[in-house]
């Protein structure tokens, strides 16, 4: 599953998006949408497909991974980095690669972006495989960043929420981190990145050093995540669930971990009820990760949808 082609696609606004293809050039087209925002695509994403059956396109979304310019400091211009720009980047990439329709696979934020893309361009989607579904509703944000999950991680929450004393919602906490990330003092900015990563790692049940070993990756991840969540993903509340009818006729598989703290299974269950062509699979696991039960179920789903 090593890439047989790769490049940088000029998508406008001064951005060039990294893409790569692997698998069978004559196989069923599929595109992988990474999480984060800002996590970038990895070799582990390729393993979610049978290389004999699929032509897999992977990309690093604007501002992260091997795409340029990369978001690394508080001077980065993020005005052209938003959900609907990413949606149109996918369309440009599809056309550039000569693909008529493709399967969309995404996890966590990648599921959000995948749903936004499919609802905007349903005629370009053959099927969807989504893990750790996130709809970016205010209630979901308040669960993870507004104190809901604090009951399970009180020590980690106390440290994470310290920059926003008396916070009543995710907006309060995210707003505080937005200000810290723009502070002229680099030590303050670096401290905010470290604190955000520590909370992410705690709710994933992992060690921060293992989850964010590269300071450049951590800075990009945190800046883009705060940027997107501060704007609610440029979605109206409940938009992706309300517009699930646009997915009619598109088969989908939704994989959720019963022990997923970051994106609890209830969100995927609601989406499955609003999208009759989707099938919900619940596994004994946490949030989506490159390996484990969630990844195994994603591979089963792509095998079943190979046609």
C-alpha atoms as a PDB file:
ATOM      1  CA  UNK A   1       0.000   0.000   0.000  1.00  0.00           C
ATOM      2  CA  UNK A   2       2.870   2.388  -0.660  1.00  0.00           C
ATOM      3  CA  UNK A   3       1.727   5.392  -2.756  1.00  0.00           C
ATOM      4  CA  UNK A   4       2.201   5.043  -6.504  1.00  0.00           C
ATOM      5  CA  UNK A   5       1.432   8.746  -7.055  1.00  0.00           C
ATOM      6  CA  UNK A   6       1.489  11.896  -4.934  1.00  0.00           C
ATOM      7  CA  UNK A   7       1.605  15.647  -5.331  1.00  0.00           C
ATOM      8  CA  UNK A   8       0.505  19.098  -4.196  1.00  0.00           C
ATOM      9  CA  UNK A   9      -2.758  20.466  -5.596  1.00  0.00           C
ATOM     10  CA  UNK A  10      -3.177  24.244  -5.789  1.00  0.00           C
ATOM     11  CA  UNK A  11      -6.636  24.871  -4.317  1.00  0.00           C
ATOM     12  CA  UNK A  12      -6.441  28.647  -4.278  1.00  0.00           C
ATOM     13  CA  UNK A  13      -6.235  31.121  -1.379  1.00  0.00           C
ATOM     14  CA  UNK A  14      -2.484  30.496  -1.284  1.00  0.00           C
ATOM     15  CA  UNK A  15      -2.995  26.855  -0.229  1.00  0.00           C
ATOM     16  CA  UNK A  16      -1.539  23.701  -1.773  1.00  0.00           C
ATOM     17  CA  UNK A  17      -2.995  20.416  -0.539  1.00  0.00           C
ATOM     18  CA  UNK A  18      -0.862  17.279  -0.345  1.00  0.00           C
ATOM     19  CA  UNK A  19      -2.435  14.121  -1.810  1.00  0.00           C
ATOM     20  CA  UNK A  20      -1.347  10.556  -2.469  1.00  0.00           C
ATOM     21  CA  UNK A  21      -2.824   7.471  -4.116  1.00  0.00           C
ATOM     22  CA  UNK A  22      -2.233   3.832  -3.269  1.00  0.00           C
ATOM     23  CA  UNK A  23      -3.772   0.424  -3.909  1.00  0.00           C
ATOM     24  CA  UNK A  24      -5.109  -0.589  -7.323  1.00  0.00           C
ATOM     25  CA  UNK A  25      -5.273   2.242  -9.916  1.00  0.00           C
ATOM     26  CA  UNK A  26      -8.197   0.397 -11.520  1.00  0.00           C
ATOM     27  CA  UNK A  27      -9.946  -0.295  -8.203  1.00  0.00           C
ATOM     28  CA  UNK A  28     -12.983   1.297  -6.601  1.00  0.00           C
ATOM     29  CA  UNK A  29     -12.145   4.952  -5.753  1.00  0.00           C
ATOM     30  CA  UNK A  30     -12.159   5.991  -2.106  1.00  0.00           C
ATOM     31  CA  UNK A  31     -11.008   9.065  -0.226  1.00  0.00           C
ATOM     32  CA  UNK A  32      -9.802   9.195   3.383  1.00  0.00           C
ATOM     33  CA  UNK A  33     -10.532  12.207   5.602  1.00  0.00           C
ATOM     34  CA  UNK A  34      -8.300  12.437   8.651  1.00  0.00           C
ATOM     35  CA  UNK A  35      -9.331  13.686  12.048  1.00  0.00           C
ATOM     36  CA  UNK A  36      -8.231  16.610  14.151  1.00  0.00           C
ATOM     37  CA  UNK A  37      -8.750  19.004  12.535  1.00  0.00           C
ATOM     38  CA  UNK A  38      -5.067  19.119  11.746  1.00  0.00           C
ATOM     39  CA  UNK A  39      -3.971  15.528  12.366  1.00  0.00           C
ATOM     40  CA  UNK A  40      -2.988  14.741   8.762  1.00  0.00           C
ATOM     41  CA  UNK A  41      -3.182  11.407   6.959  1.00  0.00           C
ATOM     42  CA  UNK A  42      -0.944   8.493   7.967  1.00  0.00           C
ATOM     43  CA  UNK A  43       0.181   5.134   6.624  1.00  0.00           C
ATOM     44  CA  UNK A  44      -2.275   3.475   9.033  1.00  0.00           C
ATOM     45  CA  UNK A  45      -5.186   4.913   7.035  1.00  0.00           C
ATOM     46  CA  UNK A  46      -4.090   2.899   3.999  1.00  0.00           C
ATOM     47  CA  UNK A  47      -4.552  -0.340   5.922  1.00  0.00           C
ATOM     48  CA  UNK A  48      -8.317   0.214   6.124  1.00  0.00           C
ATOM     49  CA  UNK A  49      -8.677  -0.973   2.497  1.00  0.00           C
ATOM     50  CA  UNK A  50      -7.914  -4.079   0.455  1.00  0.00           C
ATOM     51  CA  UNK A  51      -5.186  -2.842  -1.925  1.00  0.00           C
ATOM     52  CA  UNK A  52      -6.395  -5.188  -4.670  1.00  0.00           C
ATOM     53  CA  UNK A  53      -9.912  -3.754  -4.621  1.00  0.00           C
ATOM     54  CA  UNK A  54      -9.530  -0.040  -3.920  1.00  0.00           C
ATOM     55  CA  UNK A  55      -7.900   3.011  -5.434  1.00  0.00           C
ATOM     56  CA  UNK A  56      -7.340   5.003  -2.235  1.00  0.00           C
ATOM     57  CA  UNK A  57      -6.799   8.767  -2.233  1.00  0.00           C
ATOM     58  CA  UNK A  58      -5.469  10.332   0.960  1.00  0.00           C
ATOM     59  CA  UNK A  59      -4.851  14.005   1.645  1.00  0.00           C
ATOM     60  CA  UNK A  60      -3.617  16.390   4.299  1.00  0.00           C
ATOM     61  CA  UNK A  61      -6.252  19.072   4.793  1.00  0.00           C
ATOM     62  CA  UNK A  62      -5.356  22.767   4.603  1.00  0.00           C
ATOM     63  CA  UNK A  63      -2.676  23.911   7.009  1.00  0.00           C
ATOM     64  CA  UNK A  64      -1.437  20.529   8.249  1.00  0.00           C
ATOM     65  CA  UNK A  65       0.788  17.594   7.391  1.00  0.00           C
ATOM     66  CA  UNK A  66       2.569  18.074   4.087  1.00  0.00           C
ATOM     67  CA  UNK A  67       0.141  20.703   2.803  1.00  0.00           C
ATOM     68  CA  UNK A  68       1.376  24.272   2.551  1.00  0.00           C
ATOM     69  CA  UNK A  69       1.468  26.712   4.193  1.00  0.00           C
ATOM     70  CA  UNK A  70       1.426  24.825   7.471  1.00  0.00           C
ATOM     71  CA  UNK A  71      -0.114  26.352  10.584  1.00  0.00           C
ATOM     72  CA  UNK A  72       2.714  26.582  13.105  1.00  0.00           C
ATOM     73  CA  UNK A  73       2.586  29.946  14.872  1.00  0.00           C
ATOM     74  CA  UNK A  74       0.274  32.687  16.061  1.00  0.00           C
ATOM     75  CA  UNK A  75       0.885  34.738  12.924  1.00  0.00           C
ATOM     76  CA  UNK A  76      -0.700  32.132  10.620  1.00  0.00           C
ATOM     77  CA  UNK A  77      -3.559  33.449   8.475  1.00  0.00           C
ATOM     78  CA  UNK A  78      -6.526  31.128   8.988  1.00  0.00           C
ATOM     79  CA  UNK A  79      -9.129  33.217   7.160  1.00  0.00           C
ATOM     80  CA  UNK A  80      -9.264  30.782   4.210  1.00  0.00           C
ATOM     81  CA  UNK A  81      -9.167  27.659   6.376  1.00  0.00           C
ATOM     82  CA  UNK A  82     -12.726  26.551   7.092  1.00  0.00           C
ATOM     83  CA  UNK A  83     -15.102  23.639   6.538  1.00  0.00           C
ATOM     84  CA  UNK A  84     -16.562  24.779   3.244  1.00  0.00           C
ATOM     85  CA  UNK A  85     -13.130  25.489   1.792  1.00  0.00           C
ATOM     86  CA  UNK A  86     -12.173  21.900   2.672  1.00  0.00           C
ATOM     87  CA  UNK A  87     -15.361  20.608   1.041  1.00  0.00           C
ATOM     88  CA  UNK A  88     -14.486  22.346  -2.196  1.00  0.00           C
ATOM     89  CA  UNK A  89     -10.884  21.156  -1.924  1.00  0.00           C
ATOM     90  CA  UNK A  90     -12.258  17.612  -2.050  1.00  0.00           C
ATOM     91  CA  UNK A  91     -14.190  18.414  -5.192  1.00  0.00           C
ATOM     92  CA  UNK A  92     -11.103  19.929  -6.820  1.00  0.00           C
ATOM     93  CA  UNK A  93      -9.089  16.863  -5.886  1.00  0.00           C
ATOM     94  CA  UNK A  94     -11.749  14.481  -7.209  1.00  0.00           C
ATOM     95  CA  UNK A  95     -11.817  16.289 -10.558  1.00  0.00           C
ATOM     96  CA  UNK A  96      -8.036  16.549 -10.703  1.00  0.00           C
ATOM     97  CA  UNK A  97      -7.663  12.797 -10.175  1.00  0.00           C
ATOM     98  CA  UNK A  98     -10.280  12.003 -12.820  1.00  0.00           C
ATOM     99  CA  UNK A  99     -12.679  10.319 -10.415  1.00  0.00           C
ATOM    100  CA  UNK A 100     -16.431  10.361 -11.056  1.00  0.00           C
ATOM    101  CA  UNK A 101     -17.620   9.106  -7.651  1.00  0.00           C
ATOM    102  CA  UNK A 102     -15.882   7.745  -4.581  1.00  0.00           C
ATOM    103  CA  UNK A 103     -16.415   6.118  -1.197  1.00  0.00           C
ATOM    104  CA  UNK A 104     -15.796   8.512   1.699  1.00  0.00           C
ATOM    105  CA  UNK A 105     -14.105   7.264   4.875  1.00  0.00           C
ATOM    106  CA  UNK A 106     -13.483   9.489   7.873  1.00  0.00           C
ATOM    107  CA  UNK A 107     -13.098   9.355  11.627  1.00  0.00           C
ATOM    108  CA  UNK A 108     -13.929  11.906  14.337  1.00  0.00           C
ATOM    109  CA  UNK A 109     -13.488  15.335  12.665  1.00  0.00           C
ATOM    110  CA  UNK A 110     -13.090  13.371   9.419  1.00  0.00           C
ATOM    111  CA  UNK A 111     -16.647  12.099   9.892  1.00  0.00           C
ATOM    112  CA  UNK A 112     -17.883  15.693  10.284  1.00  0.00           C
ATOM    113  CA  UNK A 113     -16.125  16.813   7.124  1.00  0.00           C
ATOM    114  CA  UNK A 114     -17.285  13.689   5.283  1.00  0.00           C
ATOM    115  CA  UNK A 115     -20.918  14.368   6.160  1.00  0.00           C
ATOM    116  CA  UNK A 116     -20.632  18.029   5.143  1.00  0.00           C
ATOM    117  CA  UNK A 117     -19.106  16.982   1.817  1.00  0.00           C
ATOM    118  CA  UNK A 118     -21.641  14.233   1.126  1.00  0.00           C
ATOM    119  CA  UNK A 119     -24.594  16.478   1.932  1.00  0.00           C
ATOM    120  CA  UNK A 120     -23.210  19.139  -0.414  1.00  0.00           C
ATOM    121  CA  UNK A 121     -22.308  16.668  -3.203  1.00  0.00           C
ATOM    122  CA  UNK A 122     -24.385  13.499  -2.696  1.00  0.00           C
ATOM    123  CA  UNK A 123     -24.126  12.583  -6.380  1.00  0.00           C
ATOM    124  CA  UNK A 124     -20.351  12.174  -5.979  1.00  0.00           C
ATOM    125  CA  UNK A 125     -20.491   9.686  -3.087  1.00  0.00           C
ATOM    126  CA  UNK A 126     -20.919   5.935  -3.587  1.00  0.00           C
ATOM    127  CA  UNK A 127     -20.839   4.969   0.104  1.00  0.00           C
ATOM    128  CA  UNK A 128     -19.625   6.218   3.483  1.00  0.00           C
ATOM    129  CA  UNK A 129     -17.697   4.576   6.310  1.00  0.00           C
ATOM    130  CA  UNK A 130     -17.485   6.781   9.407  1.00  0.00           C
ATOM    131  CA  UNK A 131     -15.958   6.179  12.823  1.00  0.00           C
ATOM    132  CA  UNK A 132     -16.366   8.067  16.111  1.00  0.00           C
ATOM    133  CA  UNK A 133     -19.061  10.255  14.587  1.00  0.00           C
ATOM    134  CA  UNK A 134     -18.974  13.948  15.525  1.00  0.00           C
ATOM    135  CA  UNK A 135     -21.643  16.430  14.377  1.00  0.00           C
ATOM    136  CA  UNK A 136     -20.126  19.510  16.078  1.00  0.00           C
ATOM    137  CA  UNK A 137     -23.333  20.347  17.912  1.00  0.00           C
ATOM    138  CA  UNK A 138     -23.088  22.660  20.908  1.00  0.00           C
ATOM    139  CA  UNK A 139     -24.035  19.846  23.247  1.00  0.00           C
ATOM    140  CA  UNK A 140     -21.192  17.695  21.951  1.00  0.00           C
ATOM    141  CA  UNK A 141     -18.728  20.572  22.332  1.00  0.00           C
ATOM    142  CA  UNK A 142     -19.922  21.240  25.880  1.00  0.00           C
ATOM    143  CA  UNK A 143     -19.504  17.565  26.716  1.00  0.00           C
ATOM    144  CA  UNK A 144     -15.825  17.465  25.749  1.00  0.00           C
ATOM    145  CA  UNK A 145     -14.697  21.067  26.255  1.00  0.00           C
ATOM    146  CA  UNK A 146     -17.328  22.511  28.574  1.00  0.00           C
ATOM    147  CA  UNK A 147     -17.087  20.227  31.593  1.00  0.00           C
ATOM    148  CA  UNK A 148     -19.308  17.266  30.736  1.00  0.00           C
ATOM    149  CA  UNK A 149     -16.468  14.754  30.549  1.00  0.00           C
ATOM    150  CA  UNK A 150     -14.884  16.324  33.630  1.00  0.00           C
ATOM    151  CA  UNK A 151     -16.784  13.929  35.875  1.00  0.00           C
ATOM    152  CA  UNK A 152     -14.605  11.116  34.517  1.00  0.00           C
ATOM    153  CA  UNK A 153     -11.332  13.085  34.505  1.00  0.00           C
ATOM    154  CA  UNK A 154     -11.590  15.675  37.292  1.00  0.00           C
ATOM    155  CA  UNK A 155      -7.837  16.115  37.770  1.00  0.00           C
ATOM    156  CA  UNK A 156      -7.157  16.559  34.061  1.00  0.00           C
ATOM    157  CA  UNK A 157     -10.147  18.887  33.723  1.00  0.00           C
ATOM    158  CA  UNK A 158      -8.938  21.097  36.583  1.00  0.00           C
ATOM    159  CA  UNK A 159      -5.677  21.690  34.733  1.00  0.00           C
ATOM    160  CA  UNK A 160      -7.278  22.060  31.313  1.00  0.00           C
ATOM    161  CA  UNK A 161      -9.958  24.530  32.415  1.00  0.00           C
ATOM    162  CA  UNK A 162      -7.621  26.638  34.551  1.00  0.00           C
ATOM    163  CA  UNK A 163      -7.246  29.347  31.849  1.00  0.00           C
ATOM    164  CA  UNK A 164     -11.034  29.860  31.943  1.00  0.00           C
ATOM    165  CA  UNK A 165     -12.039  30.108  35.632  1.00  0.00           C
ATOM    166  CA  UNK A 166     -15.784  29.904  36.099  1.00  0.00           C
ATOM    167  CA  UNK A 167     -16.304  28.631  32.558  1.00  0.00           C
ATOM    168  CA  UNK A 168     -19.919  27.729  31.840  1.00  0.00           C
ATOM    169  CA  UNK A 169     -19.545  26.320  28.329  1.00  0.00           C
ATOM    170  CA  UNK A 170     -17.141  25.044  25.706  1.00  0.00           C
ATOM    171  CA  UNK A 171     -17.190  28.502  24.134  1.00  0.00           C
ATOM    172  CA  UNK A 172     -15.665  29.951  27.317  1.00  0.00           C
ATOM    173  CA  UNK A 173     -12.837  27.412  27.420  1.00  0.00           C
ATOM    174  CA  UNK A 174     -12.112  27.467  23.695  1.00  0.00           C
ATOM    175  CA  UNK A 175     -12.162  31.280  23.724  1.00  0.00           C
ATOM    176  CA  UNK A 176      -9.590  31.313  26.516  1.00  0.00           C
ATOM    177  CA  UNK A 177      -7.280  29.014  24.563  1.00  0.00           C
ATOM    178  CA  UNK A 178      -7.751  31.105  21.442  1.00  0.00           C
ATOM    179  CA  UNK A 179      -6.437  34.105  23.364  1.00  0.00           C
ATOM    180  CA  UNK A 180      -3.508  32.153  24.826  1.00  0.00           C
ATOM    181  CA  UNK A 181      -2.480  30.859  21.411  1.00  0.00           C
ATOM    182  CA  UNK A 182      -2.254  34.459  20.171  1.00  0.00           C
ATOM    183  CA  UNK A 183      -0.230  35.699  23.141  1.00  0.00           C
ATOM    184  CA  UNK A 184       3.038  37.454  22.138  1.00  0.00           C
ATOM    185  CA  UNK A 185       4.938  35.377  24.734  1.00  0.00           C
ATOM    186  CA  UNK A 186       6.020  32.083  23.185  1.00  0.00           C
ATOM    187  CA  UNK A 187       6.117  30.393  26.592  1.00  0.00           C
ATOM    188  CA  UNK A 188       2.430  31.192  27.080  1.00  0.00           C
ATOM    189  CA  UNK A 189       1.577  29.816  23.628  1.00  0.00           C
ATOM    190  CA  UNK A 190       3.611  26.660  24.159  1.00  0.00           C
ATOM    191  CA  UNK A 191       1.984  26.156  27.549  1.00  0.00           C
ATOM    192  CA  UNK A 192      -1.481  26.379  25.992  1.00  0.00           C
ATOM    193  CA  UNK A 193      -0.557  23.794  23.354  1.00  0.00           C
ATOM    194  CA  UNK A 194       0.769  21.441  26.048  1.00  0.00           C
ATOM    195  CA  UNK A 195      -2.334  21.872  28.231  1.00  0.00           C
ATOM    196  CA  UNK A 196      -4.713  21.212  25.342  1.00  0.00           C
ATOM    197  CA  UNK A 197      -2.764  18.112  24.307  1.00  0.00           C
ATOM    198  CA  UNK A 198      -2.809  16.816  27.890  1.00  0.00           C
ATOM    199  CA  UNK A 199      -6.624  16.999  27.954  1.00  0.00           C
ATOM    200  CA  UNK A 200      -6.903  15.344  24.553  1.00  0.00           C
ATOM    201  CA  UNK A 201      -4.618  12.533  25.686  1.00  0.00           C
ATOM    202  CA  UNK A 202      -6.457  12.071  28.988  1.00  0.00           C
ATOM    203  CA  UNK A 203      -9.834  11.640  27.278  1.00  0.00           C
ATOM    204  CA  UNK A 204      -8.220   9.226  24.813  1.00  0.00           C
ATOM    205  CA  UNK A 205      -6.742   7.211  27.675  1.00  0.00           C
ATOM    206  CA  UNK A 206      -3.197   7.692  26.389  1.00  0.00           C
ATOM    207  CA  UNK A 207       0.108   9.250  27.377  1.00  0.00           C
ATOM    208  CA  UNK A 208       0.545  12.804  26.019  1.00  0.00           C
ATOM    209  CA  UNK A 209       4.159  12.065  25.054  1.00  0.00           C
ATOM    210  CA  UNK A 210       3.023   9.116  22.933  1.00  0.00           C
ATOM    211  CA  UNK A 211       0.029  10.935  21.451  1.00  0.00           C
ATOM    212  CA  UNK A 212       1.814  14.194  20.600  1.00  0.00           C
ATOM    213  CA  UNK A 213       5.522  13.321  20.296  1.00  0.00           C
ATOM    214  CA  UNK A 214       6.276  16.025  17.719  1.00  0.00           C
ATOM    215  CA  UNK A 215       5.981  19.672  18.917  1.00  0.00           C
ATOM    216  CA  UNK A 216       5.295  20.836  15.352  1.00  0.00           C
ATOM    217  CA  UNK A 217       2.445  18.350  15.012  1.00  0.00           C
ATOM    218  CA  UNK A 218       1.044  19.380  18.407  1.00  0.00           C
ATOM    219  CA  UNK A 219       1.106  23.096  17.551  1.00  0.00           C
ATOM    220  CA  UNK A 220      -0.623  22.529  14.217  1.00  0.00           C
ATOM    221  CA  UNK A 221      -3.220  20.202  15.732  1.00  0.00           C
ATOM    222  CA  UNK A 222      -4.142  22.538  18.582  1.00  0.00           C
ATOM    223  CA  UNK A 223      -4.259  25.719  16.499  1.00  0.00           C
ATOM    224  CA  UNK A 224      -6.512  24.185  13.866  1.00  0.00           C
ATOM    225  CA  UNK A 225      -8.731  22.399  16.392  1.00  0.00           C
ATOM    226  CA  UNK A 226      -9.285  25.594  18.392  1.00  0.00           C
ATOM    227  CA  UNK A 227      -9.879  27.545  15.172  1.00  0.00           C
ATOM    228  CA  UNK A 228     -12.526  25.121  13.896  1.00  0.00           C
ATOM    229  CA  UNK A 229     -14.290  24.528  17.193  1.00  0.00           C
ATOM    230  CA  UNK A 230     -14.320  28.239  18.015  1.00  0.00           C
ATOM    231  CA  UNK A 231     -16.391  28.757  14.855  1.00  0.00           C
ATOM    232  CA  UNK A 232     -18.597  25.715  15.379  1.00  0.00           C
ATOM    233  CA  UNK A 233     -17.181  24.199  12.223  1.00  0.00           C
ATOM    234  CA  UNK A 234     -19.051  26.901  10.254  1.00  0.00           C
ATOM    235  CA  UNK A 235     -22.171  24.762  10.718  1.00  0.00           C
ATOM    236  CA  UNK A 236     -25.492  25.752  12.210  1.00  0.00           C
ATOM    237  CA  UNK A 237     -26.321  23.735  15.304  1.00  0.00           C
ATOM    238  CA  UNK A 238     -27.749  20.331  14.367  1.00  0.00           C
ATOM    239  CA  UNK A 239     -27.198  21.042  10.630  1.00  0.00           C
ATOM    240  CA  UNK A 240     -25.633  17.696   9.747  1.00  0.00           C
ATOM    241  CA  UNK A 241     -28.352  15.726  11.537  1.00  0.00           C
ATOM    242  CA  UNK A 242     -31.152  17.891  10.143  1.00  0.00           C
ATOM    243  CA  UNK A 243     -29.865  17.456   6.584  1.00  0.00           C
ATOM    244  CA  UNK A 244     -29.264  13.707   6.856  1.00  0.00           C
ATOM    245  CA  UNK A 245     -32.077  13.213   4.330  1.00  0.00           C
ATOM    246  CA  UNK A 246     -29.676  14.379   1.625  1.00  0.00           C
ATOM    247  CA  UNK A 247     -27.807  11.098   2.142  1.00  0.00           C
ATOM    248  CA  UNK A 248     -30.777   9.020   1.037  1.00  0.00           C
ATOM    249  CA  UNK A 249     -29.616   6.203  -1.222  1.00  0.00           C
ATOM    250  CA  UNK A 250     -26.023   6.323  -0.019  1.00  0.00           C
ATOM    251  CA  UNK A 251     -25.105   3.199   1.978  1.00  0.00           C
ATOM    252  CA  UNK A 252     -23.230   3.935   5.166  1.00  0.00           C
ATOM    253  CA  UNK A 253     -21.516   2.131   8.022  1.00  0.00           C
ATOM    254  CA  UNK A 254     -21.107   3.989  11.330  1.00  0.00           C
ATOM    255  CA  UNK A 255     -18.579   2.504  13.759  1.00  0.00           C
ATOM    256  CA  UNK A 256     -18.732   3.646  17.377  1.00  0.00           C
ATOM    257  CA  UNK A 257     -16.776   2.645  20.468  1.00  0.00           C
ATOM    258  CA  UNK A 258     -18.875   1.868  23.518  1.00  0.00           C
ATOM    259  CA  UNK A 259     -16.164   3.425  25.721  1.00  0.00           C
ATOM    260  CA  UNK A 260     -15.543   6.460  23.499  1.00  0.00           C
ATOM    261  CA  UNK A 261     -15.384   9.501  25.780  1.00  0.00           C
ATOM    262  CA  UNK A 262     -14.612  12.090  23.110  1.00  0.00           C
ATOM    263  CA  UNK A 263     -17.475  11.202  20.759  1.00  0.00           C
ATOM    264  CA  UNK A 264     -19.988   9.100  22.717  1.00  0.00           C
ATOM    265  CA  UNK A 265     -21.953   6.442  20.843  1.00  0.00           C
ATOM    266  CA  UNK A 266     -25.224   8.349  21.202  1.00  0.00           C
ATOM    267  CA  UNK A 267     -24.266  10.712  18.382  1.00  0.00           C
ATOM    268  CA  UNK A 268     -23.774   7.872  15.892  1.00  0.00           C
ATOM    269  CA  UNK A 269     -27.034   6.296  17.084  1.00  0.00           C
ATOM    270  CA  UNK A 270     -28.953   9.529  16.383  1.00  0.00           C
ATOM    271  CA  UNK A 271     -27.415   9.798  12.926  1.00  0.00           C
ATOM    272  CA  UNK A 272     -28.291   6.173  12.119  1.00  0.00           C
ATOM    273  CA  UNK A 273     -31.933   6.856  13.017  1.00  0.00           C
ATOM    274  CA  UNK A 274     -32.014   9.884  10.699  1.00  0.00           C
ATOM    275  CA  UNK A 275     -30.200   8.084   7.865  1.00  0.00           C
ATOM    276  CA  UNK A 276     -32.063   4.835   7.033  1.00  0.00           C
ATOM    277  CA  UNK A 277     -29.344   3.658   4.632  1.00  0.00           C
ATOM    278  CA  UNK A 278     -26.744   3.648   7.418  1.00  0.00           C
ATOM    279  CA  UNK A 279     -25.889   0.711   9.663  1.00  0.00           C
ATOM    280  CA  UNK A 280     -24.534   1.287  13.173  1.00  0.00           C
ATOM    281  CA  UNK A 281     -21.836  -1.028  14.523  1.00  0.00           C
ATOM    282  CA  UNK A 282     -20.860  -0.650  18.190  1.00  0.00           C
ATOM    283  CA  UNK A 283     -17.607  -2.207  19.369  1.00  0.00           C
ATOM    284  CA  UNK A 284     -15.953  -2.571  22.763  1.00  0.00           C
ATOM    285  CA  UNK A 285     -13.420   0.214  22.271  1.00  0.00           C
ATOM    286  CA  UNK A 286     -12.694   3.892  22.825  1.00  0.00           C
ATOM    287  CA  UNK A 287     -12.149   6.713  20.343  1.00  0.00           C
ATOM    288  CA  UNK A 288     -11.001   5.913  16.812  1.00  0.00           C
ATOM    289  CA  UNK A 289      -7.313   5.087  16.580  1.00  0.00           C
ATOM    290  CA  UNK A 290      -5.072   3.599  13.886  1.00  0.00           C
ATOM    291  CA  UNK A 291      -5.304   0.106  15.348  1.00  0.00           C
ATOM    292  CA  UNK A 292      -7.696  -1.938  17.460  1.00  0.00           C
ATOM    293  CA  UNK A 293     -11.361  -2.885  17.262  1.00  0.00           C
ATOM    294  CA  UNK A 294     -12.549   0.290  15.517  1.00  0.00           C
ATOM    295  CA  UNK A 295      -9.986  -0.029  12.732  1.00  0.00           C
ATOM    296  CA  UNK A 296     -10.810  -3.721  12.305  1.00  0.00           C
ATOM    297  CA  UNK A 297     -14.494  -2.885  11.875  1.00  0.00           C
ATOM    298  CA  UNK A 298     -13.684  -0.152   9.367  1.00  0.00           C
ATOM    299  CA  UNK A 299     -11.729  -2.693   7.295  1.00  0.00           C
ATOM    300  CA  UNK A 300     -14.673  -5.113   7.435  1.00  0.00           C
ATOM    301  CA  UNK A 301     -16.933  -2.323   6.222  1.00  0.00           C
ATOM    302  CA  UNK A 302     -14.739  -1.400   3.249  1.00  0.00           C
ATOM    303  CA  UNK A 303     -14.411  -5.092   2.334  1.00  0.00           C
ATOM    304  CA  UNK A 304     -18.202  -5.468   2.415  1.00  0.00           C
ATOM    305  CA  UNK A 305     -18.721  -2.342   0.298  1.00  0.00           C
ATOM    306  CA  UNK A 306     -16.151  -3.287  -2.333  1.00  0.00           C
ATOM    307  CA  UNK A 307     -18.971  -4.525  -4.540  1.00  0.00           C
END
